[in-house]
Amino acid sequence: MIRIDAHHHLWNLSARPQAWLDAPELEPLRRDFGQVDLRVVTESAGVDATVLVQVLADVGETEEFLALAGQSDLIAGVVGWVDLTAPDVAEQVDRLRRGPGGDRLVGVRHLVEAEPDPDWLVRPDVLAGLRAVRDAGLVYDLLTRPHQLTATLEAVRAVPDLLFVVDHLAKPDIACRVLQPWATRLSALAAEPNVLAKVSGLVTEAQWSRWTALDLRPYVDVALEAFGPDRLMVGSDWPVCLLAADYDHVLATAVELLDECSAAERDQVLGGTATRVYRLGNR
């Protein structure tokens, strides 16, 4: 079995300040997290390869991530950022691919959760950008919250031949044990054949100091029922997960929550889906 961490981040605060870390409760994350740190935690957890995901809406960060991945035997793919609202999305992607490590570009993401317009994903310029991502043969990672899932479904239907991956199961409110309307909306999204999802980022949607696997199980069960194991993948969301749990604990909990899956189904969620969707087998 190949173990893939399908979602993690890195940052160097001296090179790229992270304004979002200024919140007092995020103080534990206010330090550099680099590839050496990543290798320590992945080796401990038995992870074979990873997918590095953008943090900032900055193409320069994506260029740095690609160059890093190009020199790494651990980071197999990068989900980067381009400006989807610009008319030159295809050219932006082409420039990234021609740069160092450009062959590691596997997808694109935007911080949709931070957009004040709940219909941002279905703006004409954004839909044109998504079609350019499709034409480039890349995947689009969806970072949304439950209230944005209606527009998300509309965007997915508007570009049916683009693969979408829902990050963090669209961030349900686990801390307050809210299932609806999140579950119904996520299930509607899962009915579209071009949508997959990541079992990631859940521990930080729960109560950081008090969560247990039982708190997460109802949400993972909804995802398993809606998507099936062959359309789910596990990501650590490290180092953000450190607010609530260490790397080993996050991945061990994911395995625990797959206890009713067969061995073959677990293999899909823990590595097979990510390898297939992000085309990591050639890297």
C-alpha atoms as a PDB file:
ATOM      1  CA  MET A   1       0.000   0.000   0.000  1.00  0.00           C
ATOM      2  CA  ILE A   2       1.243   3.472  -0.907  1.00  0.00           C
ATOM      3  CA  ARG A   3       0.512   6.030   1.816  1.00  0.00           C
ATOM      4  CA  ILE A   4      -0.124   9.555   0.537  1.00  0.00           C
ATOM      5  CA  ASP A   5      -0.692  12.661   2.632  1.00  0.00           C
ATOM      6  CA  ALA A   6      -2.934  14.453   0.141  1.00  0.00           C
ATOM      7  CA  HIS A   7      -3.007  17.813   1.915  1.00  0.00           C
ATOM      8  CA  HIS A   8      -0.386  19.712   3.869  1.00  0.00           C
ATOM      9  CA  HIS A   9       1.281  23.124   3.909  1.00  0.00           C
ATOM     10  CA  LEU A  10       4.695  24.700   4.450  1.00  0.00           C
ATOM     11  CA  TRP A  11       5.741  28.260   5.186  1.00  0.00           C
ATOM     12  CA  ASN A  12       8.797  30.385   5.870  1.00  0.00           C
ATOM     13  CA  LEU A  13       7.750  33.495   7.762  1.00  0.00           C
ATOM     14  CA  SER A  14      10.895  35.448   6.946  1.00  0.00           C
ATOM     15  CA  ALA A  15      10.408  34.890   3.214  1.00  0.00           C
ATOM     16  CA  ARG A  16       6.619  35.200   3.103  1.00  0.00           C
ATOM     17  CA  PRO A  17       4.798  36.721   6.074  1.00  0.00           C
ATOM     18  CA  GLN A  18       1.479  35.057   6.898  1.00  0.00           C
ATOM     19  CA  ALA A  19      -0.934  37.751   8.059  1.00  0.00           C
ATOM     20  CA  TRP A  20      -3.584  35.147   8.845  1.00  0.00           C
ATOM     21  CA  LEU A  21      -1.377  33.854  11.672  1.00  0.00           C
ATOM     22  CA  ASP A  22      -1.721  37.117  13.605  1.00  0.00           C
ATOM     23  CA  ALA A  23      -4.791  35.822  15.461  1.00  0.00           C
ATOM     24  CA  PRO A  24      -3.802  35.105  19.096  1.00  0.00           C
ATOM     25  CA  GLU A  25      -5.120  31.542  19.046  1.00  0.00           C
ATOM     26  CA  LEU A  26      -2.825  30.701  16.129  1.00  0.00           C
ATOM     27  CA  GLU A  27       0.375  31.513  18.027  1.00  0.00           C
ATOM     28  CA  PRO A  28       1.513  27.828  18.014  1.00  0.00           C
ATOM     29  CA  LEU A  29       1.766  28.028  14.223  1.00  0.00           C
ATOM     30  CA  ARG A  30       3.780  31.238  14.197  1.00  0.00           C
ATOM     31  CA  ARG A  31       7.090  29.673  13.213  1.00  0.00           C
ATOM     32  CA  ASP A  32       8.677  28.222  10.092  1.00  0.00           C
ATOM     33  CA  PHE A  33       7.594  24.792   8.868  1.00  0.00           C
ATOM     34  CA  GLY A  34       9.887  23.427   6.177  1.00  0.00           C
ATOM     35  CA  GLN A  35      10.669  20.244   4.334  1.00  0.00           C
ATOM     36  CA  VAL A  36      12.986  18.961   7.096  1.00  0.00           C
ATOM     37  CA  ASP A  37      10.127  19.218   9.601  1.00  0.00           C
ATOM     38  CA  LEU A  38       7.809  17.521   7.105  1.00  0.00           C
ATOM     39  CA  ARG A  39      10.186  14.623   6.589  1.00  0.00           C
ATOM     40  CA  VAL A  40      10.408  13.962  10.324  1.00  0.00           C
ATOM     41  CA  VAL A  41       6.648  13.633  10.776  1.00  0.00           C
ATOM     42  CA  THR A  42       5.969  11.714   7.556  1.00  0.00           C
ATOM     43  CA  GLU A  43       8.686   9.153   8.261  1.00  0.00           C
ATOM     44  CA  SER A  44       7.264   8.578  11.718  1.00  0.00           C
ATOM     45  CA  ALA A  45       3.782   8.027  10.262  1.00  0.00           C
ATOM     46  CA  GLY A  46       4.909   5.816   7.378  1.00  0.00           C
ATOM     47  CA  VAL A  47       3.852   8.265   4.660  1.00  0.00           C
ATOM     48  CA  ASP A  48       5.484   7.670   1.268  1.00  0.00           C
ATOM     49  CA  ALA A  49       4.651  10.916  -0.561  1.00  0.00           C
ATOM     50  CA  THR A  50       2.713  14.141  -0.117  1.00  0.00           C
ATOM     51  CA  VAL A  51       0.746  16.827  -1.900  1.00  0.00           C
ATOM     52  CA  LEU A  52       1.778  20.351  -0.909  1.00  0.00           C
ATOM     53  CA  VAL A  53      -1.103  22.856  -1.034  1.00  0.00           C
ATOM     54  CA  GLN A  54      -0.941  26.624  -1.455  1.00  0.00           C
ATOM     55  CA  VAL A  55      -1.439  28.894   1.536  1.00  0.00           C
ATOM     56  CA  LEU A  56      -1.335  32.376  -0.004  1.00  0.00           C
ATOM     57  CA  ALA A  57      -3.017  33.918  -3.031  1.00  0.00           C
ATOM     58  CA  ASP A  58       0.434  34.519  -4.478  1.00  0.00           C
ATOM     59  CA  VAL A  59       1.852  32.926  -7.598  1.00  0.00           C
ATOM     60  CA  GLY A  60       5.339  33.527  -6.197  1.00  0.00           C
ATOM     61  CA  GLU A  61       4.597  31.102  -3.374  1.00  0.00           C
ATOM     62  CA  THR A  62       3.500  28.502  -5.936  1.00  0.00           C
ATOM     63  CA  GLU A  63       6.736  28.976  -7.879  1.00  0.00           C
ATOM     64  CA  GLU A  64       8.715  28.381  -4.679  1.00  0.00           C
ATOM     65  CA  PHE A  65       6.674  25.289  -3.809  1.00  0.00           C
ATOM     66  CA  LEU A  66       7.206  23.829  -7.275  1.00  0.00           C
ATOM     67  CA  ALA A  67      10.947  24.440  -7.146  1.00  0.00           C
ATOM     68  CA  LEU A  68      11.055  22.763  -3.724  1.00  0.00           C
ATOM     69  CA  ALA A  69       9.019  19.791  -4.961  1.00  0.00           C
ATOM     70  CA  GLY A  70      11.232  19.451  -8.000  1.00  0.00           C
ATOM     71  CA  GLN A  71      14.186  18.774  -5.684  1.00  0.00           C
ATOM     72  CA  SER A  72      12.241  16.490  -3.336  1.00  0.00           C
ATOM     73  CA  ASP A  73      11.644  12.745  -3.263  1.00  0.00           C
ATOM     74  CA  LEU A  74       8.807  13.294  -0.784  1.00  0.00           C
ATOM     75  CA  ILE A  75       6.613  16.059  -2.259  1.00  0.00           C
ATOM     76  CA  ALA A  76       5.061  14.396  -5.315  1.00  0.00           C
ATOM     77  CA  GLY A  77       2.615  17.135  -6.255  1.00  0.00           C
ATOM     78  CA  VAL A  78       1.732  20.782  -5.670  1.00  0.00           C
ATOM     79  CA  VAL A  79      -1.722  22.336  -5.644  1.00  0.00           C
ATOM     80  CA  GLY A  80      -0.849  25.941  -6.400  1.00  0.00           C
ATOM     81  CA  TRP A  81      -2.546  29.279  -6.945  1.00  0.00           C
ATOM     82  CA  VAL A  82      -3.284  31.285 -10.060  1.00  0.00           C
ATOM     83  CA  ASP A  83      -5.643  34.216 -10.460  1.00  0.00           C
ATOM     84  CA  LEU A  84      -8.807  32.574 -11.769  1.00  0.00           C
ATOM     85  CA  THR A  85     -10.415  35.950 -12.416  1.00  0.00           C
ATOM     86  CA  ALA A  86      -7.703  37.004 -14.885  1.00  0.00           C
ATOM     87  CA  PRO A  87      -8.071  36.469 -18.636  1.00  0.00           C
ATOM     88  CA  ASP A  88      -4.649  34.778 -18.881  1.00  0.00           C
ATOM     89  CA  VAL A  89      -5.107  31.733 -16.626  1.00  0.00           C
ATOM     90  CA  ALA A  90      -3.754  29.423 -19.337  1.00  0.00           C
ATOM     91  CA  GLU A  91      -0.629  31.556 -19.653  1.00  0.00           C
ATOM     92  CA  GLN A  92      -0.163  31.635 -15.868  1.00  0.00           C
ATOM     93  CA  VAL A  93      -0.297  27.835 -15.741  1.00  0.00           C
ATOM     94  CA  ASP A  94       2.067  27.536 -18.679  1.00  0.00           C
ATOM     95  CA  ARG A  95       4.634  29.800 -16.984  1.00  0.00           C
ATOM     96  CA  LEU A  96       4.470  27.695 -13.835  1.00  0.00           C
ATOM     97  CA  ARG A  97       4.954  24.511 -15.812  1.00  0.00           C
ATOM     98  CA  ARG A  98       7.983  25.919 -17.606  1.00  0.00           C
ATOM     99  CA  GLY A  99       9.642  26.910 -14.333  1.00  0.00           C
ATOM    100  CA  PRO A 100      11.672  24.752 -11.926  1.00  0.00           C
ATOM    101  CA  GLY A 101       9.631  21.779 -10.745  1.00  0.00           C
ATOM    102  CA  GLY A 102       6.809  22.671 -13.094  1.00  0.00           C
ATOM    103  CA  ASP A 103       5.993  19.028 -13.731  1.00  0.00           C
ATOM    104  CA  ARG A 104       4.886  18.747 -10.076  1.00  0.00           C
ATOM    105  CA  LEU A 105       1.918  21.092 -10.605  1.00  0.00           C
ATOM    106  CA  VAL A 106      -1.145  18.870 -10.160  1.00  0.00           C
ATOM    107  CA  GLY A 107      -3.891  21.302  -9.237  1.00  0.00           C
ATOM    108  CA  VAL A 108      -5.056  24.822  -8.447  1.00  0.00           C
ATOM    109  CA  ARG A 109      -6.808  26.262  -5.382  1.00  0.00           C
ATOM    110  CA  HIS A 110      -8.203  29.600  -4.284  1.00  0.00           C
ATOM    111  CA  LEU A 111      -9.255  30.634  -0.763  1.00  0.00           C
ATOM    112  CA  VAL A 112     -12.940  30.699  -1.690  1.00  0.00           C
ATOM    113  CA  GLU A 113     -13.926  30.463   1.987  1.00  0.00           C
ATOM    114  CA  ALA A 114     -12.572  34.005   2.446  1.00  0.00           C
ATOM    115  CA  GLU A 115     -14.590  35.508  -0.410  1.00  0.00           C
ATOM    116  CA  PRO A 116     -17.466  37.668   0.888  1.00  0.00           C
ATOM    117  CA  ASP A 117     -19.574  36.837  -2.172  1.00  0.00           C
ATOM    118  CA  PRO A 118     -21.150  33.389  -1.567  1.00  0.00           C
ATOM    119  CA  ASP A 119     -21.582  33.050  -5.338  1.00  0.00           C
ATOM    120  CA  TRP A 120     -17.944  33.814  -6.173  1.00  0.00           C
ATOM    121  CA  LEU A 121     -17.411  30.416  -7.813  1.00  0.00           C
ATOM    122  CA  VAL A 122     -20.124  31.032 -10.399  1.00  0.00           C
ATOM    123  CA  ARG A 123     -18.976  34.461 -11.516  1.00  0.00           C
ATOM    124  CA  PRO A 124     -18.412  34.401 -15.298  1.00  0.00           C
ATOM    125  CA  ASP A 125     -14.721  35.267 -14.980  1.00  0.00           C
ATOM    126  CA  VAL A 126     -14.164  32.540 -12.379  1.00  0.00           C
ATOM    127  CA  LEU A 127     -15.964  29.935 -14.490  1.00  0.00           C
ATOM    128  CA  ALA A 128     -13.755  30.917 -17.433  1.00  0.00           C
ATOM    129  CA  GLY A 129     -10.728  30.406 -15.169  1.00  0.00           C
ATOM    130  CA  LEU A 130     -11.992  26.994 -14.106  1.00  0.00           C
ATOM    131  CA  ARG A 131     -12.368  25.985 -17.752  1.00  0.00           C
ATOM    132  CA  ALA A 132      -8.754  27.005 -18.323  1.00  0.00           C
ATOM    133  CA  VAL A 133      -7.726  24.783 -15.389  1.00  0.00           C
ATOM    134  CA  ARG A 134      -9.662  21.950 -17.037  1.00  0.00           C
ATOM    135  CA  ASP A 135      -7.999  22.570 -20.392  1.00  0.00           C
ATOM    136  CA  ALA A 136      -4.605  22.413 -18.676  1.00  0.00           C
ATOM    137  CA  GLY A 137      -5.422  18.936 -17.355  1.00  0.00           C
ATOM    138  CA  LEU A 138      -5.244  20.022 -13.720  1.00  0.00           C
ATOM    139  CA  VAL A 139      -7.504  19.345 -10.732  1.00  0.00           C
ATOM    140  CA  TYR A 140      -9.308  22.111  -8.851  1.00  0.00           C
ATOM    141  CA  ASP A 141      -9.285  21.975  -5.035  1.00  0.00           C
ATOM    142  CA  LEU A 142     -12.369  23.537  -3.421  1.00  0.00           C
ATOM    143  CA  LEU A 143     -11.806  25.400  -0.158  1.00  0.00           C
ATOM    144  CA  THR A 144     -15.332  26.340   0.866  1.00  0.00           C
ATOM    145  CA  ARG A 145     -17.628  26.410   3.857  1.00  0.00           C
ATOM    146  CA  PRO A 146     -21.097  24.864   4.112  1.00  0.00           C
ATOM    147  CA  HIS A 147     -22.956  28.058   3.189  1.00  0.00           C
ATOM    148  CA  GLN A 148     -21.038  28.151  -0.124  1.00  0.00           C
ATOM    149  CA  LEU A 149     -21.951  24.623  -1.230  1.00  0.00           C
ATOM    150  CA  THR A 150     -24.997  25.694  -3.236  1.00  0.00           C
ATOM    151  CA  ALA A 151     -22.852  27.841  -5.530  1.00  0.00           C
ATOM    152  CA  THR A 152     -20.193  25.116  -5.487  1.00  0.00           C
ATOM    153  CA  LEU A 153     -22.688  22.632  -6.912  1.00  0.00           C
ATOM    154  CA  GLU A 154     -23.618  25.096  -9.643  1.00  0.00           C
ATOM    155  CA  ALA A 155     -19.950  25.586 -10.576  1.00  0.00           C
ATOM    156  CA  VAL A 156     -19.292  21.842 -10.633  1.00  0.00           C
ATOM    157  CA  ARG A 157     -22.215  21.335 -12.994  1.00  0.00           C
ATOM    158  CA  ALA A 158     -21.054  24.210 -15.192  1.00  0.00           C
ATOM    159  CA  VAL A 159     -17.658  22.539 -15.765  1.00  0.00           C
ATOM    160  CA  PRO A 160     -18.550  18.827 -15.730  1.00  0.00           C
ATOM    161  CA  ASP A 161     -15.279  17.655 -17.255  1.00  0.00           C
ATOM    162  CA  LEU A 162     -13.091  19.259 -14.566  1.00  0.00           C
ATOM    163  CA  LEU A 163     -12.216  17.170 -11.510  1.00  0.00           C
ATOM    164  CA  PHE A 164     -13.024  19.002  -8.268  1.00  0.00           C
ATOM    165  CA  VAL A 165     -11.691  17.956  -4.850  1.00  0.00           C
ATOM    166  CA  VAL A 166     -13.526  19.240  -1.760  1.00  0.00           C
ATOM    167  CA  ASP A 167     -10.939  20.135   0.880  1.00  0.00           C
ATOM    168  CA  HIS A 168     -11.719  19.372   4.542  1.00  0.00           C
ATOM    169  CA  LEU A 169     -15.200  18.052   3.634  1.00  0.00           C
ATOM    170  CA  ALA A 170     -16.203  21.739   3.249  1.00  0.00           C
ATOM    171  CA  LYS A 171     -15.479  22.465   6.927  1.00  0.00           C
ATOM    172  CA  PRO A 172     -18.573  21.266   8.800  1.00  0.00           C
ATOM    173  CA  ASP A 173     -19.220  22.711  12.250  1.00  0.00           C
ATOM    174  CA  ILE A 174     -18.011  19.725  14.258  1.00  0.00           C
ATOM    175  CA  ALA A 175     -17.415  21.726  17.433  1.00  0.00           C
ATOM    176  CA  CYS A 176     -21.158  22.418  17.701  1.00  0.00           C
ATOM    177  CA  ARG A 177     -22.119  18.998  16.275  1.00  0.00           C
ATOM    178  CA  VAL A 178     -24.036  20.523  13.351  1.00  0.00           C
ATOM    179  CA  LEU A 179     -24.816  18.037  10.563  1.00  0.00           C
ATOM    180  CA  GLN A 180     -27.475  19.848   8.563  1.00  0.00           C
ATOM    181  CA  PRO A 181     -27.694  21.378   6.060  1.00  0.00           C
ATOM    182  CA  TRP A 182     -24.029  20.480   5.516  1.00  0.00           C
ATOM    183  CA  ALA A 183     -24.698  16.742   5.062  1.00  0.00           C
ATOM    184  CA  THR A 184     -27.474  17.227   2.506  1.00  0.00           C
ATOM    185  CA  ARG A 185     -25.460  19.771   0.531  1.00  0.00           C
ATOM    186  CA  LEU A 186     -22.293  17.661   0.549  1.00  0.00           C
ATOM    187  CA  SER A 187     -24.254  14.599  -0.571  1.00  0.00           C
ATOM    188  CA  ALA A 188     -25.766  16.571  -3.444  1.00  0.00           C
ATOM    189  CA  LEU A 189     -22.263  17.598  -4.472  1.00  0.00           C
ATOM    190  CA  ALA A 190     -21.056  13.995  -4.234  1.00  0.00           C
ATOM    191  CA  ALA A 191     -23.795  12.948  -6.667  1.00  0.00           C
ATOM    192  CA  GLU A 192     -21.806  14.715  -9.379  1.00  0.00           C
ATOM    193  CA  PRO A 193     -19.284  12.243 -10.843  1.00  0.00           C
ATOM    194  CA  ASN A 194     -16.527  14.849 -11.211  1.00  0.00           C
ATOM    195  CA  VAL A 195     -16.294  15.583  -7.474  1.00  0.00           C
ATOM    196  CA  LEU A 196     -14.052  13.951  -4.856  1.00  0.00           C
ATOM    197  CA  ALA A 197     -13.227  14.937  -1.297  1.00  0.00           C
ATOM    198  CA  LYS A 198     -10.496  14.998   1.321  1.00  0.00           C
ATOM    199  CA  VAL A 199     -10.878  13.658   4.814  1.00  0.00           C
ATOM    200  CA  SER A 200      -8.670  16.415   6.155  1.00  0.00           C
ATOM    201  CA  GLY A 201      -8.786  19.434   8.416  1.00  0.00           C
ATOM    202  CA  LEU A 202     -11.501  17.956  10.628  1.00  0.00           C
ATOM    203  CA  VAL A 203      -9.702  18.109  13.970  1.00  0.00           C
ATOM    204  CA  THR A 204      -9.504  21.890  13.770  1.00  0.00           C
ATOM    205  CA  GLU A 205     -13.233  22.122  13.039  1.00  0.00           C
ATOM    206  CA  ALA A 206     -13.835  20.205  16.283  1.00  0.00           C
ATOM    207  CA  GLN A 207     -13.092  21.467  19.802  1.00  0.00           C
ATOM    208  CA  TRP A 208      -9.306  21.650  19.706  1.00  0.00           C
ATOM    209  CA  SER A 209      -8.564  20.443  23.223  1.00  0.00           C
ATOM    210  CA  ARG A 210     -11.466  18.023  23.707  1.00  0.00           C
ATOM    211  CA  TRP A 211     -12.226  16.245  20.431  1.00  0.00           C
ATOM    212  CA  THR A 212     -12.292  12.478  20.018  1.00  0.00           C
ATOM    213  CA  ALA A 213     -12.718  10.184  17.029  1.00  0.00           C
ATOM    214  CA  LEU A 214     -16.374   9.823  18.017  1.00  0.00           C
ATOM    215  CA  ASP A 215     -16.872  13.529  17.330  1.00  0.00           C
ATOM    216  CA  LEU A 216     -15.539  13.141  13.794  1.00  0.00           C
ATOM    217  CA  ARG A 217     -17.209   9.842  12.926  1.00  0.00           C
ATOM    218  CA  PRO A 218     -20.665  11.173  11.879  1.00  0.00           C
ATOM    219  CA  TYR A 219     -19.022  13.502   9.357  1.00  0.00           C
ATOM    220  CA  VAL A 220     -16.687  10.865   7.936  1.00  0.00           C
ATOM    221  CA  ASP A 221     -19.590   8.418   7.726  1.00  0.00           C
ATOM    222  CA  VAL A 222     -21.584  10.947   5.659  1.00  0.00           C
ATOM    223  CA  ALA A 223     -18.602  11.327   3.328  1.00  0.00           C
ATOM    224  CA  LEU A 224     -18.078   7.581   2.984  1.00  0.00           C
ATOM    225  CA  GLU A 225     -21.746   7.058   2.180  1.00  0.00           C
ATOM    226  CA  ALA A 226     -21.864   9.944  -0.277  1.00  0.00           C
ATOM    227  CA  PHE A 227     -18.557   9.534  -2.126  1.00  0.00           C
ATOM    228  CA  GLY A 228     -17.431   5.973  -1.484  1.00  0.00           C
ATOM    229  CA  PRO A 229     -13.796   5.125  -0.661  1.00  0.00           C
ATOM    230  CA  ASP A 230     -12.634   5.428  -4.267  1.00  0.00           C
ATOM    231  CA  ARG A 231     -13.485   9.146  -4.247  1.00  0.00           C
ATOM    232  CA  LEU A 232     -12.014   9.998  -0.860  1.00  0.00           C
ATOM    233  CA  MET A 233      -8.431  10.711   0.176  1.00  0.00           C
ATOM    234  CA  VAL A 234      -6.766  11.487   3.505  1.00  0.00           C
ATOM    235  CA  GLY A 235      -4.783  14.624   4.220  1.00  0.00           C
ATOM    236  CA  SER A 236      -3.152  15.748   7.454  1.00  0.00           C
ATOM    237  CA  ASP A 237      -3.615  19.523   7.006  1.00  0.00           C
ATOM    238  CA  TRP A 238      -0.265  19.761   8.815  1.00  0.00           C
ATOM    239  CA  PRO A 239       0.916  22.030  10.333  1.00  0.00           C
ATOM    240  CA  VAL A 240      -2.519  23.631  10.875  1.00  0.00           C
ATOM    241  CA  CYS A 241      -3.641  20.388  12.535  1.00  0.00           C
ATOM    242  CA  LEU A 242      -1.139  21.025  15.349  1.00  0.00           C
ATOM    243  CA  LEU A 243      -3.691  23.348  16.921  1.00  0.00           C
ATOM    244  CA  ALA A 244      -5.646  20.215  17.858  1.00  0.00           C
ATOM    245  CA  ALA A 245      -3.426  17.155  17.344  1.00  0.00           C
ATOM    246  CA  ASP A 246      -0.010  16.018  16.216  1.00  0.00           C
ATOM    247  CA  TYR A 247       0.622  14.484  12.801  1.00  0.00           C
ATOM    248  CA  ASP A 248       0.601  10.844  13.928  1.00  0.00           C
ATOM    249  CA  HIS A 249      -2.636  11.312  15.866  1.00  0.00           C
ATOM    250  CA  VAL A 250      -4.422  12.852  12.870  1.00  0.00           C
ATOM    251  CA  LEU A 251      -3.495  10.040  10.506  1.00  0.00           C
ATOM    252  CA  ALA A 252      -4.099   7.316  13.094  1.00  0.00           C
ATOM    253  CA  THR A 253      -7.573   8.741  13.682  1.00  0.00           C
ATOM    254  CA  ALA A 254      -8.275   8.658   9.953  1.00  0.00           C
ATOM    255  CA  VAL A 255      -7.381   4.962   9.893  1.00  0.00           C
ATOM    256  CA  GLU A 256      -9.600   4.356  12.918  1.00  0.00           C
ATOM    257  CA  LEU A 257     -12.551   6.037  11.186  1.00  0.00           C
ATOM    258  CA  LEU A 258     -12.136   3.701   8.206  1.00  0.00           C
ATOM    259  CA  ASP A 259     -12.536   0.626  10.397  1.00  0.00           C
ATOM    260  CA  GLU A 260     -15.640  -0.601   8.575  1.00  0.00           C
ATOM    261  CA  CYS A 261     -13.995  -0.395   5.160  1.00  0.00           C
ATOM    262  CA  SER A 262     -12.320  -3.396   3.586  1.00  0.00           C
ATOM    263  CA  ALA A 263      -8.532  -3.449   3.288  1.00  0.00           C
ATOM    264  CA  ALA A 264      -8.788  -2.571  -0.407  1.00  0.00           C
ATOM    265  CA  GLU A 265     -11.112   0.355   0.357  1.00  0.00           C
ATOM    266  CA  ARG A 266      -8.765   1.674   3.038  1.00  0.00           C
ATOM    267  CA  ASP A 267      -5.897   1.495   0.568  1.00  0.00           C
ATOM    268  CA  GLN A 268      -7.857   3.755  -1.773  1.00  0.00           C
ATOM    269  CA  VAL A 269      -8.561   6.396   0.866  1.00  0.00           C
ATOM    270  CA  LEU A 270      -5.038   6.277   2.302  1.00  0.00           C
ATOM    271  CA  GLY A 271      -3.208   6.552  -0.990  1.00  0.00           C
ATOM    272  CA  GLY A 272      -4.828   5.090  -4.076  1.00  0.00           C
ATOM    273  CA  THR A 273      -7.332   7.880  -4.722  1.00  0.00           C
ATOM    274  CA  ALA A 274      -4.761  10.652  -4.394  1.00  0.00           C
ATOM    275  CA  THR A 275      -2.288   8.803  -6.617  1.00  0.00           C
ATOM    276  CA  ARG A 276      -4.923   8.381  -9.311  1.00  0.00           C
ATOM    277  CA  VAL A 277      -6.572  11.807  -9.143  1.00  0.00           C
ATOM    278  CA  TYR A 278      -3.391  13.855  -8.921  1.00  0.00           C
ATOM    279  CA  ARG A 279      -1.549  11.491 -11.298  1.00  0.00           C
ATOM    280  CA  LEU A 280       1.260  10.969  -8.837  1.00  0.00           C
ATOM    281  CA  GLY A 281       2.262   7.573 -10.214  1.00  0.00           C
ATOM    282  CA  ASN A 282       4.470   9.200 -12.851  1.00  0.00           C
ATOM    283  CA  ARG A 283       6.393  11.281 -10.312  1.00  0.00           C
END
